[in-house]
Amino acid sequence: DPAPPFTSGHPDRAPASVAALVAPIY
């Protein structure tokens, strides 16, 4: 019954600042 604290589980919904942190890893 997932209820995550954030809606940043997909690039379409993640804040740009969060996406910028993760994208270079890949």
PDB file of all heavy atoms in Angstrom:
ATOM      1  N   ASP A   1       0.860  -1.178   0.000  1.00  0.00           N
ATOM      2  CA  ASP A   1       0.000   0.000   0.000  1.00  0.00           C
ATOM      3  C   ASP A   1       0.897   1.228   0.000  1.00  0.00           C
ATOM      4  O   ASP A   1       0.942   1.990   0.957  1.00  0.00           O
ATOM      5  CB  ASP A   1      -0.898  -0.022   1.249  1.00  0.00           C
ATOM      6  CG  ASP A   1      -1.952   1.077   1.246  1.00  0.00           C
ATOM      7  OD1 ASP A   1      -2.339   1.520   0.143  1.00  0.00           O
ATOM      8  OD2 ASP A   1      -2.356   1.496   2.345  1.00  0.00           O
ATOM      9  N   PRO A   2       1.661   1.403  -1.079  1.00  0.00           N
ATOM     10  CA  PRO A   2       2.714   2.413  -1.070  1.00  0.00           C
ATOM     11  C   PRO A   2       2.188   3.833  -0.860  1.00  0.00           C
ATOM     12  O   PRO A   2       1.180   4.232  -1.438  1.00  0.00           O
ATOM     13  CB  PRO A   2       3.367   2.263  -2.444  1.00  0.00           C
ATOM     14  CG  PRO A   2       2.348   1.564  -3.287  1.00  0.00           C
ATOM     15  CD  PRO A   2       1.573   0.688  -2.357  1.00  0.00           C
ATOM     16  N   ALA A   3       2.878   4.543  -0.025  1.00  0.00           N
ATOM     17  CA  ALA A   3       2.574   5.951   0.240  1.00  0.00           C
ATOM     18  C   ALA A   3       3.898   6.685   0.426  1.00  0.00           C
ATOM     19  O   ALA A   3       4.253   7.090   1.527  1.00  0.00           O
ATOM     20  CB  ALA A   3       1.697   6.073   1.477  1.00  0.00           C
ATOM     21  N   PRO A   4       4.654   6.827  -0.672  1.00  0.00           N
ATOM     22  CA  PRO A   4       5.983   7.437  -0.548  1.00  0.00           C
ATOM     23  C   PRO A   4       5.892   8.891  -0.102  1.00  0.00           C
ATOM     24  O   PRO A   4       4.898   9.576  -0.371  1.00  0.00           O
ATOM     25  CB  PRO A   4       6.543   7.329  -1.974  1.00  0.00           C
ATOM     26  CG  PRO A   4       5.342   7.223  -2.854  1.00  0.00           C
ATOM     27  CD  PRO A   4       4.319   6.485  -2.058  1.00  0.00           C
ATOM     28  N   PRO A   5       6.923   9.366   0.560  1.00  0.00           N
ATOM     29  CA  PRO A   5       6.907  10.746   1.047  1.00  0.00           C
ATOM     30  C   PRO A   5       7.073  11.784  -0.062  1.00  0.00           C
ATOM     31  O   PRO A   5       6.806  12.964   0.149  1.00  0.00           O
ATOM     32  CB  PRO A   5       8.101  10.794   2.011  1.00  0.00           C
ATOM     33  CG  PRO A   5       9.028   9.725   1.520  1.00  0.00           C
ATOM     34  CD  PRO A   5       8.141   8.640   0.993  1.00  0.00           C
ATOM     35  N   PHE A   6       7.508  11.323  -1.239  1.00  0.00           N
ATOM     36  CA  PHE A   6       7.735  12.239  -2.358  1.00  0.00           C
ATOM     37  C   PHE A   6       7.103  11.666  -3.625  1.00  0.00           C
ATOM     38  O   PHE A   6       6.838  10.474  -3.728  1.00  0.00           O
ATOM     39  CB  PHE A   6       9.239  12.439  -2.603  1.00  0.00           C
ATOM     40  CG  PHE A   6      10.025  12.721  -1.356  1.00  0.00           C
ATOM     41  CD1 PHE A   6      10.900  11.774  -0.854  1.00  0.00           C
ATOM     42  CD2 PHE A   6       9.870  13.920  -0.690  1.00  0.00           C
ATOM     43  CE1 PHE A   6      11.629  12.025   0.296  1.00  0.00           C
ATOM     44  CE2 PHE A   6      10.597  14.180   0.470  1.00  0.00           C
ATOM     45  CZ  PHE A   6      11.465  13.228   0.971  1.00  0.00           C
ATOM     46  N   THR A   7       6.915  12.529  -4.612  1.00  0.00           N
ATOM     47  CA  THR A   7       6.413  12.090  -5.917  1.00  0.00           C
ATOM     48  C   THR A   7       7.533  12.151  -6.948  1.00  0.00           C
ATOM     49  O   THR A   7       7.299  12.448  -8.119  1.00  0.00           O
ATOM     50  CB  THR A   7       5.233  12.965  -6.373  1.00  0.00           C
ATOM     51  OG1 THR A   7       5.664  14.342  -6.420  1.00  0.00           O
ATOM     52  CG2 THR A   7       4.054  12.836  -5.426  1.00  0.00           C
ATOM     53  N   SER A   8       8.731  11.853  -6.510  1.00  0.00           N
ATOM     54  CA  SER A   8       9.908  12.004  -7.382  1.00  0.00           C
ATOM     55  C   SER A   8      10.410  10.668  -7.914  1.00  0.00           C
ATOM     56  O   SER A   8      11.577  10.537  -8.257  1.00  0.00           O
ATOM     57  CB  SER A   8      11.033  12.701  -6.610  1.00  0.00           C
ATOM     58  OG  SER A   8      11.321  12.007  -5.407  1.00  0.00           O
ATOM     59  N   GLY A   9       9.518   9.670  -8.017  1.00  0.00           N
ATOM     60  CA  GLY A   9       9.941   8.339  -8.439  1.00  0.00           C
ATOM     61  C   GLY A   9      10.107   8.165  -9.926  1.00  0.00           C
ATOM     62  O   GLY A   9      10.506   7.092 -10.389  1.00  0.00           O
ATOM     63  N   HIS A  10       9.808   9.194 -10.709  1.00  0.00           N
ATOM     64  CA  HIS A  10       9.965   9.126 -12.159  1.00  0.00           C
ATOM     65  C   HIS A  10      10.387  10.500 -12.656  1.00  0.00           C
ATOM     66  O   HIS A  10       9.968  11.523 -12.089  1.00  0.00           O
ATOM     67  CB  HIS A  10       8.646   8.703 -12.831  1.00  0.00           C
ATOM     68  CG  HIS A  10       8.792   8.387 -14.285  1.00  0.00           C
ATOM     69  ND1 HIS A  10       8.746   9.363 -15.260  1.00  0.00           N
ATOM     70  CD2 HIS A  10       8.999   7.217 -14.926  1.00  0.00           C
ATOM     71  CE1 HIS A  10       8.912   8.796 -16.446  1.00  0.00           C
ATOM     72  NE2 HIS A  10       9.071   7.497 -16.269  1.00  0.00           N
ATOM     73  N   PRO A  11      11.234  10.570 -13.693  1.00  0.00           N
ATOM     74  CA  PRO A  11      11.693  11.873 -14.193  1.00  0.00           C
ATOM     75  C   PRO A  11      10.568  12.828 -14.560  1.00  0.00           C
ATOM     76  O   PRO A  11      10.741  14.050 -14.492  1.00  0.00           O
ATOM     77  CB  PRO A  11      12.525  11.502 -15.431  1.00  0.00           C
ATOM     78  CG  PRO A  11      12.970  10.106 -15.189  1.00  0.00           C
ATOM     79  CD  PRO A  11      11.856   9.446 -14.432  1.00  0.00           C
ATOM     80  N   ASP A  12       9.424  12.292 -14.971  1.00  0.00           N
ATOM     81  CA  ASP A  12       8.300  13.161 -15.334  1.00  0.00           C
ATOM     82  C   ASP A  12       7.763  13.948 -14.144  1.00  0.00           C
ATOM     83  O   ASP A  12       7.119  14.987 -14.316  1.00  0.00           O
ATOM     84  CB  ASP A  12       7.162  12.332 -15.930  1.00  0.00           C
ATOM     85  CG  ASP A  12       7.484  11.800 -17.305  1.00  0.00           C
ATOM     86  OD1 ASP A  12       8.516  12.210 -17.870  1.00  0.00           O
ATOM     87  OD2 ASP A  12       6.713  10.963 -17.824  1.00  0.00           O
ATOM     88  N   ARG A  13       8.004  13.433 -12.932  1.00  0.00           N
ATOM     89  CA  ARG A  13       7.443  14.073 -11.741  1.00  0.00           C
ATOM     90  C   ARG A  13       8.499  14.617 -10.781  1.00  0.00           C
ATOM     91  O   ARG A  13       8.183  15.384  -9.875  1.00  0.00           O
ATOM     92  CB  ARG A  13       6.544  13.066 -10.994  1.00  0.00           C
ATOM     93  CG  ARG A  13       5.304  12.677 -11.801  1.00  0.00           C
ATOM     94  CD  ARG A  13       4.478  11.646 -11.093  1.00  0.00           C
ATOM     95  NE  ARG A  13       5.153  10.347 -11.004  1.00  0.00           N
ATOM     96  CZ  ARG A  13       5.180   9.459 -11.994  1.00  0.00           C
ATOM     97  NH1 ARG A  13       4.583   9.721 -13.144  1.00  0.00           N
ATOM     98  NH2 ARG A  13       5.802   8.296 -11.847  1.00  0.00           N
ATOM     99  N   ALA A  14       9.723  14.194 -10.946  1.00  0.00           N
ATOM    100  CA  ALA A  14      10.782  14.646 -10.040  1.00  0.00           C
ATOM    101  C   ALA A  14      11.113  16.119 -10.275  1.00  0.00           C
ATOM    102  O   ALA A  14      11.124  16.586 -11.420  1.00  0.00           O
ATOM    103  CB  ALA A  14      12.029  13.796 -10.245  1.00  0.00           C
ATOM    104  N   PRO A  15      11.372  16.872  -9.216  1.00  0.00           N
ATOM    105  CA  PRO A  15      11.822  18.261  -9.396  1.00  0.00           C
ATOM    106  C   PRO A  15      13.095  18.306 -10.234  1.00  0.00           C
ATOM    107  O   PRO A  15      13.917  17.383 -10.189  1.00  0.00           O
ATOM    108  CB  PRO A  15      12.093  18.731  -7.958  1.00  0.00           C
ATOM    109  CG  PRO A  15      11.280  17.820  -7.091  1.00  0.00           C
ATOM    110  CD  PRO A  15      11.257  16.491  -7.800  1.00  0.00           C
ATOM    111  N   ALA A  16      13.248  19.358 -10.975  1.00  0.00           N
ATOM    112  CA  ALA A  16      14.412  19.486 -11.864  1.00  0.00           C
ATOM    113  C   ALA A  16      15.724  19.389 -11.087  1.00  0.00           C
ATOM    114  O   ALA A  16      16.697  18.804 -11.571  1.00  0.00           O
ATOM    115  CB  ALA A  16      14.336  20.815 -12.616  1.00  0.00           C
ATOM    116  N   SER A  17      15.748  19.925  -9.876  1.00  0.00           N
ATOM    117  CA  SER A  17      16.982  19.881  -9.085  1.00  0.00           C
ATOM    118  C   SER A  17      17.341  18.450  -8.702  1.00  0.00           C
ATOM    119  O   SER A  17      18.527  18.082  -8.668  1.00  0.00           O
ATOM    120  CB  SER A  17      16.827  20.726  -7.823  1.00  0.00           C
ATOM    121  OG  SER A  17      15.747  20.260  -7.024  1.00  0.00           O
ATOM    122  N   VAL A  18      16.333  17.631  -8.445  1.00  0.00           N
ATOM    123  CA  VAL A  18      16.551  16.229  -8.104  1.00  0.00           C
ATOM    124  C   VAL A  18      17.013  15.458  -9.339  1.00  0.00           C
ATOM    125  O   VAL A  18      17.954  14.659  -9.281  1.00  0.00           O
ATOM    126  CB  VAL A  18      15.276  15.597  -7.506  1.00  0.00           C
ATOM    127  CG1 VAL A  18      15.454  14.093  -7.307  1.00  0.00           C
ATOM    128  CG2 VAL A  18      14.921  16.273  -6.187  1.00  0.00           C
ATOM    129  N   ALA A  19      16.348  15.694 -10.455  1.00  0.00           N
ATOM    130  CA  ALA A  19      16.741  15.039 -11.708  1.00  0.00           C
ATOM    131  C   ALA A  19      18.184  15.373 -12.065  1.00  0.00           C
ATOM    132  O   ALA A  19      18.937  14.518 -12.548  1.00  0.00           O
ATOM    133  CB  ALA A  19      15.793  15.452 -12.834  1.00  0.00           C
ATOM    134  N   ALA A  20      18.575  16.602 -11.794  1.00  0.00           N
ATOM    135  CA  ALA A  20      19.947  17.025 -12.101  1.00  0.00           C
ATOM    136  C   ALA A  20      20.973  16.307 -11.236  1.00  0.00           C
ATOM    137  O   ALA A  20      22.108  16.089 -11.655  1.00  0.00           O
ATOM    138  CB  ALA A  20      20.073  18.538 -11.912  1.00  0.00           C
ATOM    139  N   LEU A  21      20.562  15.911 -10.037  1.00  0.00           N
ATOM    140  CA  LEU A  21      21.460  15.160  -9.161  1.00  0.00           C
ATOM    141  C   LEU A  21      21.639  13.720  -9.637  1.00  0.00           C
ATOM    142  O   LEU A  21      22.726  13.148  -9.549  1.00  0.00           O
ATOM    143  CB  LEU A  21      20.907  15.143  -7.733  1.00  0.00           C
ATOM    144  CG  LEU A  21      20.987  16.420  -6.911  1.00  0.00           C
ATOM    145  CD1 LEU A  21      20.239  16.235  -5.596  1.00  0.00           C
ATOM    146  CD2 LEU A  21      22.433  16.789  -6.641  1.00  0.00           C
ATOM    147  N   VAL A  22      20.563  13.141 -10.143  1.00  0.00           N
ATOM    148  CA  VAL A  22      20.560  11.714 -10.472  1.00  0.00           C
ATOM    149  C   VAL A  22      21.034  11.429 -11.891  1.00  0.00           C
ATOM    150  O   VAL A  22      21.769  10.465 -12.133  1.00  0.00           O
ATOM    151  CB  VAL A  22      19.148  11.126 -10.253  1.00  0.00           C
ATOM    152  CG1 VAL A  22      19.089   9.665 -10.691  1.00  0.00           C
ATOM    153  CG2 VAL A  22      18.742  11.262  -8.789  1.00  0.00           C
ATOM    154  N   ALA A  23      20.628  12.247 -12.840  1.00  0.00           N
ATOM    155  CA  ALA A  23      20.893  11.956 -14.254  1.00  0.00           C
ATOM    156  C   ALA A  23      22.362  11.685 -14.567  1.00  0.00           C
ATOM    157  O   ALA A  23      22.676  10.745 -15.319  1.00  0.00           O
ATOM    158  CB  ALA A  23      20.355  13.097 -15.121  1.00  0.00           C
ATOM    159  N   PRO A  24      23.310  12.448 -14.022  1.00  0.00           N
ATOM    160  CA  PRO A  24      24.717  12.189 -14.376  1.00  0.00           C
ATOM    161  C   PRO A  24      25.213  10.807 -13.960  1.00  0.00           C
ATOM    162  O   PRO A  24      26.159  10.287 -14.564  1.00  0.00           O
ATOM    163  CB  PRO A  24      25.462  13.297 -13.615  1.00  0.00           C
ATOM    164  CG  PRO A  24      24.464  14.374 -13.406  1.00  0.00           C
ATOM    165  CD  PRO A  24      23.170  13.665 -13.205  1.00  0.00           C
ATOM    166  N   ILE A  25      24.601  10.238 -12.946  1.00  0.00           N
ATOM    167  CA  ILE A  25      25.012   8.907 -12.494  1.00  0.00           C
ATOM    168  C   ILE A  25      24.886   7.888 -13.617  1.00  0.00           C
ATOM    169  O   ILE A  25      25.704   6.963 -13.750  1.00  0.00           O
ATOM    170  CB  ILE A  25      24.154   8.471 -11.284  1.00  0.00           C
ATOM    171  CG1 ILE A  25      24.384   9.402 -10.094  1.00  0.00           C
ATOM    172  CG2 ILE A  25      24.420   7.018 -10.916  1.00  0.00           C
ATOM    173  CD1 ILE A  25      23.424   9.175  -8.938  1.00  0.00           C
ATOM    174  N   TYR A  26      23.878   8.090 -14.448  1.00  0.00           N
ATOM    175  CA  TYR A  26      23.572   7.096 -15.470  1.00  0.00           C
ATOM    176  C   TYR A  26      24.226   7.374 -16.815  1.00  0.00           C
ATOM    177  O   TYR A  26      24.185   6.526 -17.710  1.00  0.00           O
ATOM    178  CB  TYR A  26      22.050   6.983 -15.649  1.00  0.00           C
ATOM    179  CG  TYR A  26      21.371   6.406 -14.434  1.00  0.00           C
ATOM    180  CD1 TYR A  26      20.745   7.236 -13.507  1.00  0.00           C
ATOM    181  CD2 TYR A  26      21.380   5.033 -14.194  1.00  0.00           C
ATOM    182  CE1 TYR A  26      20.137   6.711 -12.377  1.00  0.00           C
ATOM    183  CE2 TYR A  26      20.777   4.496 -13.073  1.00  0.00           C
ATOM    184  CZ  TYR A  26      20.161   5.346 -12.164  1.00  0.00           C
ATOM    185  OH  TYR A  26      19.568   4.818 -11.044  1.00  0.00           O
TER     186      TYR A  26
END
